[in-house]
């Protein structure tokens, strides 16, 4: 919100902020141990990947963004609010 709160993207930034807060309030996020395991695996790897998908919705959001495009991704995220 510091960067986008007063920009042309302020409406979308506010919706994403609301969706994120609701997700964490409902225990919708992944536990810290899930993320820690992935970070540990990346640090120990001799040839780390460029990106790691970790967390409850990581793979599905990556799929949406890659195959369906930014508009569908943005719609999916803002409708979660």
PDB file of N, CA and C in Angstrom:
ATOM      1  N   UNK A   1       0.822  -1.192   0.000  1.00  0.00           N
ATOM      2  CA  UNK A   1       0.000   0.000   0.000  1.00  0.00           C
ATOM      3  C   UNK A   1       0.865   1.254   0.000  1.00  0.00           C
ATOM      4  N   UNK A   2       2.076   1.138   0.490  1.00  0.00           N
ATOM      5  CA  UNK A   2       2.960   2.304   0.510  1.00  0.00           C
ATOM      6  C   UNK A   2       3.242   2.816  -0.896  1.00  0.00           C
ATOM      7  N   UNK A   3       3.407   1.911  -1.838  1.00  0.00           N
ATOM      8  CA  UNK A   3       3.750   2.326  -3.206  1.00  0.00           C
ATOM      9  C   UNK A   3       2.530   2.473  -4.096  1.00  0.00           C
ATOM     10  N   UNK A   4       1.556   1.608  -3.953  1.00  0.00           N
ATOM     11  CA  UNK A   4       0.417   1.602  -4.880  1.00  0.00           C
ATOM     12  C   UNK A   4      -0.846   2.210  -4.303  1.00  0.00           C
ATOM     13  N   UNK A   5      -0.849   2.539  -3.024  1.00  0.00           N
ATOM     14  CA  UNK A   5      -2.048   3.044  -2.364  1.00  0.00           C
ATOM     15  C   UNK A   5      -2.587   4.344  -2.919  1.00  0.00           C
ATOM     16  N   UNK A   6      -1.745   5.149  -3.512  1.00  0.00           N
ATOM     17  CA  UNK A   6      -2.184   6.435  -4.062  1.00  0.00           C
ATOM     18  C   UNK A   6      -1.861   6.550  -5.548  1.00  0.00           C
ATOM     19  N   UNK A   7      -1.870   5.426  -6.241  1.00  0.00           N
ATOM     20  CA  UNK A   7      -1.535   5.438  -7.660  1.00  0.00           C
ATOM     21  C   UNK A   7      -2.741   5.014  -8.489  1.00  0.00           C
ATOM     22  N   UNK A   8      -2.505   4.826  -9.768  1.00  0.00           N
ATOM     23  CA  UNK A   8      -3.565   4.362 -10.658  1.00  0.00           C
ATOM     24  C   UNK A   8      -4.026   2.954 -10.282  1.00  0.00           C
ATOM     25  N   UNK A   9      -3.210   2.244  -9.514  1.00  0.00           N
ATOM     26  CA  UNK A   9      -3.529   0.883  -9.098  1.00  0.00           C
ATOM     27  C   UNK A   9      -4.100   0.821  -7.689  1.00  0.00           C
ATOM     28  N   UNK A  10      -4.518   1.925  -7.146  1.00  0.00           N
ATOM     29  CA  UNK A  10      -4.955   1.959  -5.748  1.00  0.00           C
ATOM     30  C   UNK A  10      -6.160   1.060  -5.481  1.00  0.00           C
ATOM     31  N   UNK A  11      -7.139   1.020  -6.380  1.00  0.00           N
ATOM     32  CA  UNK A  11      -8.310   0.160  -6.160  1.00  0.00           C
ATOM     33  C   UNK A  11      -7.907  -1.310  -6.088  1.00  0.00           C
ATOM     34  N   UNK A  12      -7.092  -1.748  -7.031  1.00  0.00           N
ATOM     35  CA  UNK A  12      -6.657  -3.135  -7.036  1.00  0.00           C
ATOM     36  C   UNK A  12      -5.772  -3.428  -5.825  1.00  0.00           C
ATOM     37  N   UNK A  13      -4.900  -2.509  -5.477  1.00  0.00           N
ATOM     38  CA  UNK A  13      -4.022  -2.705  -4.319  1.00  0.00           C
ATOM     39  C   UNK A  13      -4.841  -2.852  -3.039  1.00  0.00           C
ATOM     40  N   UNK A  14      -5.886  -2.072  -2.896  1.00  0.00           N
ATOM     41  CA  UNK A  14      -6.740  -2.158  -1.708  1.00  0.00           C
ATOM     42  C   UNK A  14      -7.475  -3.493  -1.658  1.00  0.00           C
ATOM     43  N   UNK A  15      -7.969  -3.970  -2.813  1.00  0.00           N
ATOM     44  CA  UNK A  15      -8.654  -5.265  -2.848  1.00  0.00           C
ATOM     45  C   UNK A  15      -7.705  -6.405  -2.491  1.00  0.00           C
ATOM     46  N   UNK A  16      -6.500  -6.341  -3.008  1.00  0.00           N
ATOM     47  CA  UNK A  16      -5.514  -7.370  -2.696  1.00  0.00           C
ATOM     48  C   UNK A  16      -5.158  -7.327  -1.215  1.00  0.00           C
ATOM     49  N   UNK A  17      -5.023  -6.141  -0.670  1.00  0.00           N
ATOM     50  CA  UNK A  17      -4.736  -6.016   0.762  1.00  0.00           C
ATOM     51  C   UNK A  17      -5.860  -6.646   1.596  1.00  0.00           C
ATOM     52  N   UNK A  18      -7.102  -6.369   1.245  1.00  0.00           N
ATOM     53  CA  UNK A  18      -8.249  -6.932   1.970  1.00  0.00           C
ATOM     54  C   UNK A  18      -8.254  -8.459   1.857  1.00  0.00           C
ATOM     55  N   UNK A  19      -8.051  -8.976   0.642  1.00  0.00           N
ATOM     56  CA  UNK A  19      -8.050 -10.428   0.436  1.00  0.00           C
ATOM     57  C   UNK A  19      -6.935 -11.092   1.234  1.00  0.00           C
ATOM     58  N   UNK A  20      -5.778 -10.469   1.265  1.00  0.00           N
ATOM     59  CA  UNK A  20      -4.648 -11.024   2.009  1.00  0.00           C
ATOM     60  C   UNK A  20      -4.937 -11.040   3.498  1.00  0.00           C
ATOM     61  N   UNK A  21      -5.452  -9.944   4.021  1.00  0.00           N
ATOM     62  CA  UNK A  21      -5.787  -9.889   5.454  1.00  0.00           C
ATOM     63  C   UNK A  21      -6.834 -10.932   5.816  1.00  0.00           C
ATOM     64  N   UNK A  22      -7.876 -11.072   5.002  1.00  0.00           N
ATOM     65  CA  UNK A  22      -8.923 -12.063   5.273  1.00  0.00           C
ATOM     66  C   UNK A  22      -8.361 -13.471   5.257  1.00  0.00           C
ATOM     67  N   UNK A  23      -7.489 -13.732   4.311  1.00  0.00           N
ATOM     68  CA  UNK A  23      -6.888 -15.061   4.205  1.00  0.00           C
ATOM     69  C   UNK A  23      -6.119 -15.409   5.473  1.00  0.00           C
ATOM     70  N   UNK A  24      -5.335 -14.469   5.971  1.00  0.00           N
ATOM     71  CA  UNK A  24      -4.554 -14.738   7.177  1.00  0.00           C
ATOM     72  C   UNK A  24      -5.432 -14.790   8.422  1.00  0.00           C
ATOM     73  N   UNK A  25      -6.500 -14.009   8.459  1.00  0.00           N
ATOM     74  CA  UNK A  25      -7.401 -14.038   9.605  1.00  0.00           C
ATOM     75  C   UNK A  25      -8.117 -15.382   9.704  1.00  0.00           C
ATOM     76  N   UNK A  26      -8.415 -15.999   8.585  1.00  0.00           N
ATOM     77  CA  UNK A  26      -9.109 -17.290   8.549  1.00  0.00           C
ATOM     78  C   UNK A  26      -8.132 -18.460   8.566  1.00  0.00           C
ATOM     79  N   UNK A  27      -6.894 -18.186   8.858  1.00  0.00           N
ATOM     80  CA  UNK A  27      -5.847 -19.209   8.808  1.00  0.00           C
ATOM     81  C   UNK A  27      -5.738 -19.794   7.408  1.00  0.00           C
ATOM     82  N   UNK A  28      -5.915 -18.961   6.412  1.00  0.00           N
ATOM     83  CA  UNK A  28      -5.860 -19.420   5.033  1.00  0.00           C
ATOM     84  C   UNK A  28      -4.468 -19.543   4.482  1.00  0.00           C
ATOM     85  N   UNK A  29      -3.502 -18.945   5.151  1.00  0.00           N
ATOM     86  CA  UNK A  29      -2.131 -19.015   4.665  1.00  0.00           C
ATOM     87  C   UNK A  29      -1.445 -20.293   5.104  1.00  0.00           C
ATOM     88  N   UNK A  30      -0.313 -20.544   4.544  1.00  0.00           N
ATOM     89  CA  UNK A  30       0.470 -21.720   4.906  1.00  0.00           C
ATOM     90  C   UNK A  30       1.230 -21.454   6.192  1.00  0.00           C
ATOM     91  N   UNK A  31       1.562 -22.533   6.867  1.00  0.00           N
ATOM     92  CA  UNK A  31       2.339 -22.382   8.089  1.00  0.00           C
ATOM     93  C   UNK A  31       3.770 -21.995   7.752  1.00  0.00           C
ATOM     94  N   UNK A  32       4.429 -21.434   8.706  1.00  0.00           N
ATOM     95  CA  UNK A  32       5.822 -21.027   8.499  1.00  0.00           C
ATOM     96  C   UNK A  32       6.706 -22.236   8.197  1.00  0.00           C
ATOM     97  N   UNK A  33       6.366 -23.389   8.750  1.00  0.00           N
ATOM     98  CA  UNK A  33       7.187 -24.581   8.524  1.00  0.00           C
ATOM     99  C   UNK A  33       7.166 -25.021   7.057  1.00  0.00           C
ATOM    100  N   UNK A  34       6.054 -24.824   6.372  1.00  0.00           N
ATOM    101  CA  UNK A  34       5.970 -25.174   4.948  1.00  0.00           C
ATOM    102  C   UNK A  34       6.956 -24.335   4.147  1.00  0.00           C
ATOM    103  N   UNK A  35       6.959 -23.054   4.413  1.00  0.00           N
ATOM    104  CA  UNK A  35       7.866 -22.148   3.700  1.00  0.00           C
ATOM    105  C   UNK A  35       9.311 -22.415   4.107  1.00  0.00           C
ATOM    106  N   UNK A  36       9.547 -22.667   5.396  1.00  0.00           N
ATOM    107  CA  UNK A  36      10.903 -22.928   5.894  1.00  0.00           C
ATOM    108  C   UNK A  36      11.512 -24.166   5.237  1.00  0.00           C
ATOM    109  N   UNK A  37      10.700 -25.206   5.026  1.00  0.00           N
ATOM    110  CA  UNK A  37      11.203 -26.418   4.369  1.00  0.00           C
ATOM    111  C   UNK A  37      11.665 -26.127   2.948  1.00  0.00           C
ATOM    112  N   UNK A  38      10.901 -25.314   2.242  1.00  0.00           N
ATOM    113  CA  UNK A  38      11.272 -24.982   0.857  1.00  0.00           C
ATOM    114  C   UNK A  38      12.528 -24.120   0.831  1.00  0.00           C
ATOM    115  N   UNK A  39      12.611 -23.173   1.730  1.00  0.00           N
ATOM    116  CA  UNK A  39      13.810 -22.322   1.807  1.00  0.00           C
ATOM    117  C   UNK A  39      15.021 -23.179   2.149  1.00  0.00           C
ATOM    118  N   UNK A  40      14.871 -24.087   3.091  1.00  0.00           N
ATOM    119  CA  UNK A  40      15.965 -24.970   3.475  1.00  0.00           C
ATOM    120  C   UNK A  40      16.426 -25.820   2.296  1.00  0.00           C
ATOM    121  N   UNK A  41      15.475 -26.359   1.551  1.00  0.00           N
ATOM    122  CA  UNK A  41      15.809 -27.168   0.378  1.00  0.00           C
ATOM    123  C   UNK A  41      16.568 -26.330  -0.653  1.00  0.00           C
ATOM    124  N   UNK A  42      16.143 -25.094  -0.846  1.00  0.00           N
ATOM    125  CA  UNK A  42      16.802 -24.212  -1.818  1.00  0.00           C
ATOM    126  C   UNK A  42      18.227 -23.880  -1.382  1.00  0.00           C
ATOM    127  N   UNK A  43      18.399 -23.615  -0.108  1.00  0.00           N
ATOM    128  CA  UNK A  43      19.725 -23.254   0.407  1.00  0.00           C
ATOM    129  C   UNK A  43      20.688 -24.435   0.313  1.00  0.00           C
ATOM    130  N   UNK A  44      20.198 -25.637   0.545  1.00  0.00           N
ATOM    131  CA  UNK A  44      21.043 -26.833   0.532  1.00  0.00           C
ATOM    132  C   UNK A  44      21.321 -27.360  -0.871  1.00  0.00           C
ATOM    133  N   UNK A  45      20.573 -26.921  -1.851  1.00  0.00           N
ATOM    134  CA  UNK A  45      20.701 -27.437  -3.205  1.00  0.00           C
ATOM    135  C   UNK A  45      21.999 -27.004  -3.865  1.00  0.00           C
ATOM    136  N   UNK A  46      22.632 -27.942  -4.581  1.00  0.00           N
ATOM    137  CA  UNK A  46      23.841 -27.598  -5.337  1.00  0.00           C
ATOM    138  C   UNK A  46      23.490 -26.763  -6.560  1.00  0.00           C
ATOM    139  N   UNK A  47      22.319 -27.039  -7.131  1.00  0.00           N
ATOM    140  CA  UNK A  47      21.851 -26.284  -8.293  1.00  0.00           C
ATOM    141  C   UNK A  47      20.426 -25.815  -8.022  1.00  0.00           C
ATOM    142  N   UNK A  48      20.274 -24.725  -7.299  1.00  0.00           N
ATOM    143  CA  UNK A  48      18.925 -24.272  -6.932  1.00  0.00           C
ATOM    144  C   UNK A  48      18.107 -23.831  -8.149  1.00  0.00           C
ATOM    145  N   UNK A  49      16.811 -24.020  -8.019  1.00  0.00           N
ATOM    146  CA  UNK A  49      15.895 -23.579  -9.061  1.00  0.00           C
ATOM    147  C   UNK A  49      15.810 -22.053  -9.042  1.00  0.00           C
ATOM    148  N   UNK A  50      15.322 -21.486 -10.120  1.00  0.00           N
ATOM    149  CA  UNK A  50      15.134 -20.043 -10.180  1.00  0.00           C
ATOM    150  C   UNK A  50      14.004 -19.613  -9.258  1.00  0.00           C
ATOM    151  N   UNK A  51      12.947 -20.411  -9.244  1.00  0.00           N
ATOM    152  CA  UNK A  51      11.774 -20.103  -8.414  1.00  0.00           C
ATOM    153  C   UNK A  51      11.282 -21.372  -7.742  1.00  0.00           C
ATOM    154  N   UNK A  52      10.686 -21.185  -6.592  1.00  0.00           N
ATOM    155  CA  UNK A  52      10.074 -22.290  -5.855  1.00  0.00           C
ATOM    156  C   UNK A  52       8.637 -21.914  -5.541  1.00  0.00           C
ATOM    157  N   UNK A  53       7.732 -22.839  -5.770  1.00  0.00           N
ATOM    158  CA  UNK A  53       6.329 -22.624  -5.430  1.00  0.00           C
ATOM    159  C   UNK A  53       6.083 -23.247  -4.064  1.00  0.00           C
ATOM    160  N   UNK A  54       5.711 -22.428  -3.114  1.00  0.00           N
ATOM    161  CA  UNK A  54       5.469 -22.926  -1.764  1.00  0.00           C
ATOM    162  C   UNK A  54       4.256 -22.223  -1.195  1.00  0.00           C
ATOM    163  N   UNK A  55       3.427 -22.982  -0.549  1.00  0.00           N
ATOM    164  CA  UNK A  55       2.259 -22.389   0.074  1.00  0.00           C
ATOM    165  C   UNK A  55       0.980 -22.925  -0.512  1.00  0.00           C
ATOM    166  N   UNK A  56      -0.088 -22.578   0.139  1.00  0.00           N
ATOM    167  CA  UNK A  56      -1.402 -23.152  -0.139  1.00  0.00           C
ATOM    168  C   UNK A  56      -1.863 -22.968  -1.594  1.00  0.00           C
ATOM    169  N   UNK A  57      -1.761 -21.789  -2.116  1.00  0.00           N
ATOM    170  CA  UNK A  57      -2.279 -21.513  -3.461  1.00  0.00           C
ATOM    171  C   UNK A  57      -1.183 -21.193  -4.478  1.00  0.00           C
ATOM    172  N   UNK A  58       0.046 -21.419  -4.131  1.00  0.00           N
ATOM    173  CA  UNK A  58       1.157 -21.004  -4.990  1.00  0.00           C
ATOM    174  C   UNK A  58       1.089 -21.616  -6.382  1.00  0.00           C
ATOM    175  N   UNK A  59       0.932 -22.915  -6.451  1.00  0.00           N
ATOM    176  CA  UNK A  59       0.936 -23.579  -7.767  1.00  0.00           C
ATOM    177  C   UNK A  59      -0.252 -23.160  -8.624  1.00  0.00           C
ATOM    178  N   UNK A  60      -1.419 -23.055  -8.013  1.00  0.00           N
ATOM    179  CA  UNK A  60      -2.592 -22.667  -8.802  1.00  0.00           C
ATOM    180  C   UNK A  60      -2.478 -21.228  -9.294  1.00  0.00           C
ATOM    181  N   UNK A  61      -1.954 -20.328  -8.479  1.00  0.00           N
ATOM    182  CA  UNK A  61      -1.797 -18.940  -8.922  1.00  0.00           C
ATOM    183  C   UNK A  61      -0.737 -18.818 -10.011  1.00  0.00           C
ATOM    184  N   UNK A  62       0.330 -19.591  -9.898  1.00  0.00           N
ATOM    185  CA  UNK A  62       1.355 -19.583 -10.947  1.00  0.00           C
ATOM    186  C   UNK A  62       0.753 -20.092 -12.257  1.00  0.00           C
ATOM    187  N   UNK A  63      -0.043 -21.159 -12.179  1.00  0.00           N
ATOM    188  CA  UNK A  63      -0.699 -21.701 -13.367  1.00  0.00           C
ATOM    189  C   UNK A  63      -1.612 -20.654 -14.006  1.00  0.00           C
ATOM    190  N   UNK A  64      -2.439 -20.010 -13.200  1.00  0.00           N
ATOM    191  CA  UNK A  64      -3.364 -18.994 -13.720  1.00  0.00           C
ATOM    192  C   UNK A  64      -2.597 -17.888 -14.419  1.00  0.00           C
ATOM    193  N   UNK A  65      -1.558 -17.417 -13.784  1.00  0.00           N
ATOM    194  CA  UNK A  65      -0.805 -16.303 -14.362  1.00  0.00           C
ATOM    195  C   UNK A  65      -0.095 -16.710 -15.653  1.00  0.00           C
ATOM    196  N   UNK A  66       0.480 -17.897 -15.649  1.00  0.00           N
ATOM    197  CA  UNK A  66       1.245 -18.343 -16.820  1.00  0.00           C
ATOM    198  C   UNK A  66       0.343 -18.662 -18.011  1.00  0.00           C
ATOM    199  N   UNK A  67      -0.716 -19.425 -17.798  1.00  0.00           N
ATOM    200  CA  UNK A  67      -1.514 -19.924 -18.900  1.00  0.00           C
ATOM    201  C   UNK A  67      -2.739 -19.088 -19.236  1.00  0.00           C
ATOM    202  N   UNK A  68      -3.266 -18.363 -18.274  1.00  0.00           N
ATOM    203  CA  UNK A  68      -4.478 -17.590 -18.537  1.00  0.00           C
ATOM    204  C   UNK A  68      -4.227 -16.086 -18.608  1.00  0.00           C
ATOM    205  N   UNK A  69      -3.045 -15.649 -18.221  1.00  0.00           N
ATOM    206  CA  UNK A  69      -2.672 -14.256 -18.386  1.00  0.00           C
ATOM    207  C   UNK A  69      -2.922 -13.376 -17.170  1.00  0.00           C
ATOM    208  N   UNK A  70      -2.388 -12.185 -17.264  1.00  0.00           N
ATOM    209  CA  UNK A  70      -2.452 -11.237 -16.157  1.00  0.00           C
ATOM    210  C   UNK A  70      -3.872 -10.783 -15.829  1.00  0.00           C
ATOM    211  N   UNK A  71      -4.696 -10.595 -16.829  1.00  0.00           N
ATOM    212  CA  UNK A  71      -6.070 -10.124 -16.563  1.00  0.00           C
ATOM    213  C   UNK A  71      -6.857 -11.121 -15.735  1.00  0.00           C
ATOM    214  N   UNK A  72      -6.769 -12.393 -16.102  1.00  0.00           N
ATOM    215  CA  UNK A  72      -7.481 -13.425 -15.349  1.00  0.00           C
ATOM    216  C   UNK A  72      -6.889 -13.537 -13.947  1.00  0.00           C
ATOM    217  N   UNK A  73      -5.573 -13.468 -13.840  1.00  0.00           N
ATOM    218  CA  UNK A  73      -4.914 -13.510 -12.536  1.00  0.00           C
ATOM    219  C   UNK A  73      -5.385 -12.356 -11.650  1.00  0.00           C
ATOM    220  N   UNK A  74      -5.358 -11.159 -12.190  1.00  0.00           N
ATOM    221  CA  UNK A  74      -5.798  -9.982 -11.429  1.00  0.00           C
ATOM    222  C   UNK A  74      -7.257 -10.121 -10.997  1.00  0.00           C
ATOM    223  N   UNK A  75      -8.107 -10.619 -11.894  1.00  0.00           N
ATOM    224  CA  UNK A  75      -9.511 -10.823 -11.571  1.00  0.00           C
ATOM    225  C   UNK A  75      -9.663 -11.856 -10.447  1.00  0.00           C
ATOM    226  N   UNK A  76      -8.910 -12.942 -10.530  1.00  0.00           N
ATOM    227  CA  UNK A  76      -8.984 -13.979  -9.499  1.00  0.00           C
ATOM    228  C   UNK A  76      -8.575 -13.442  -8.137  1.00  0.00           C
ATOM    229  N   UNK A  77      -7.529 -12.658  -8.111  1.00  0.00           N
ATOM    230  CA  UNK A  77      -7.040 -12.108  -6.844  1.00  0.00           C
ATOM    231  C   UNK A  77      -8.011 -11.064  -6.286  1.00  0.00           C
ATOM    232  N   UNK A  78      -8.501 -10.181  -7.131  1.00  0.00           N
ATOM    233  CA  UNK A  78      -9.386  -9.120  -6.632  1.00  0.00           C
ATOM    234  C   UNK A  78     -10.758  -9.648  -6.262  1.00  0.00           C
ATOM    235  N   UNK A  79     -11.212 -10.719  -6.889  1.00  0.00           N
ATOM    236  CA  UNK A  79     -12.509 -11.292  -6.513  1.00  0.00           C
ATOM    237  C   UNK A  79     -12.450 -12.017  -5.195  1.00  0.00           C
ATOM    238  N   UNK A  80     -11.265 -12.403  -4.787  1.00  0.00           N
ATOM    239  CA  UNK A  80     -11.097 -13.048  -3.483  1.00  0.00           C
ATOM    240  C   UNK A  80     -11.404 -12.056  -2.362  1.00  0.00           C
ATOM    241  N   UNK A  81     -11.345 -10.781  -2.668  1.00  0.00           N
ATOM    242  CA  UNK A  81     -11.639  -9.748  -1.665  1.00  0.00           C
ATOM    243  C   UNK A  81     -13.079  -9.643  -1.528  1.00  0.00           C
TER     244      UNK A  81
END
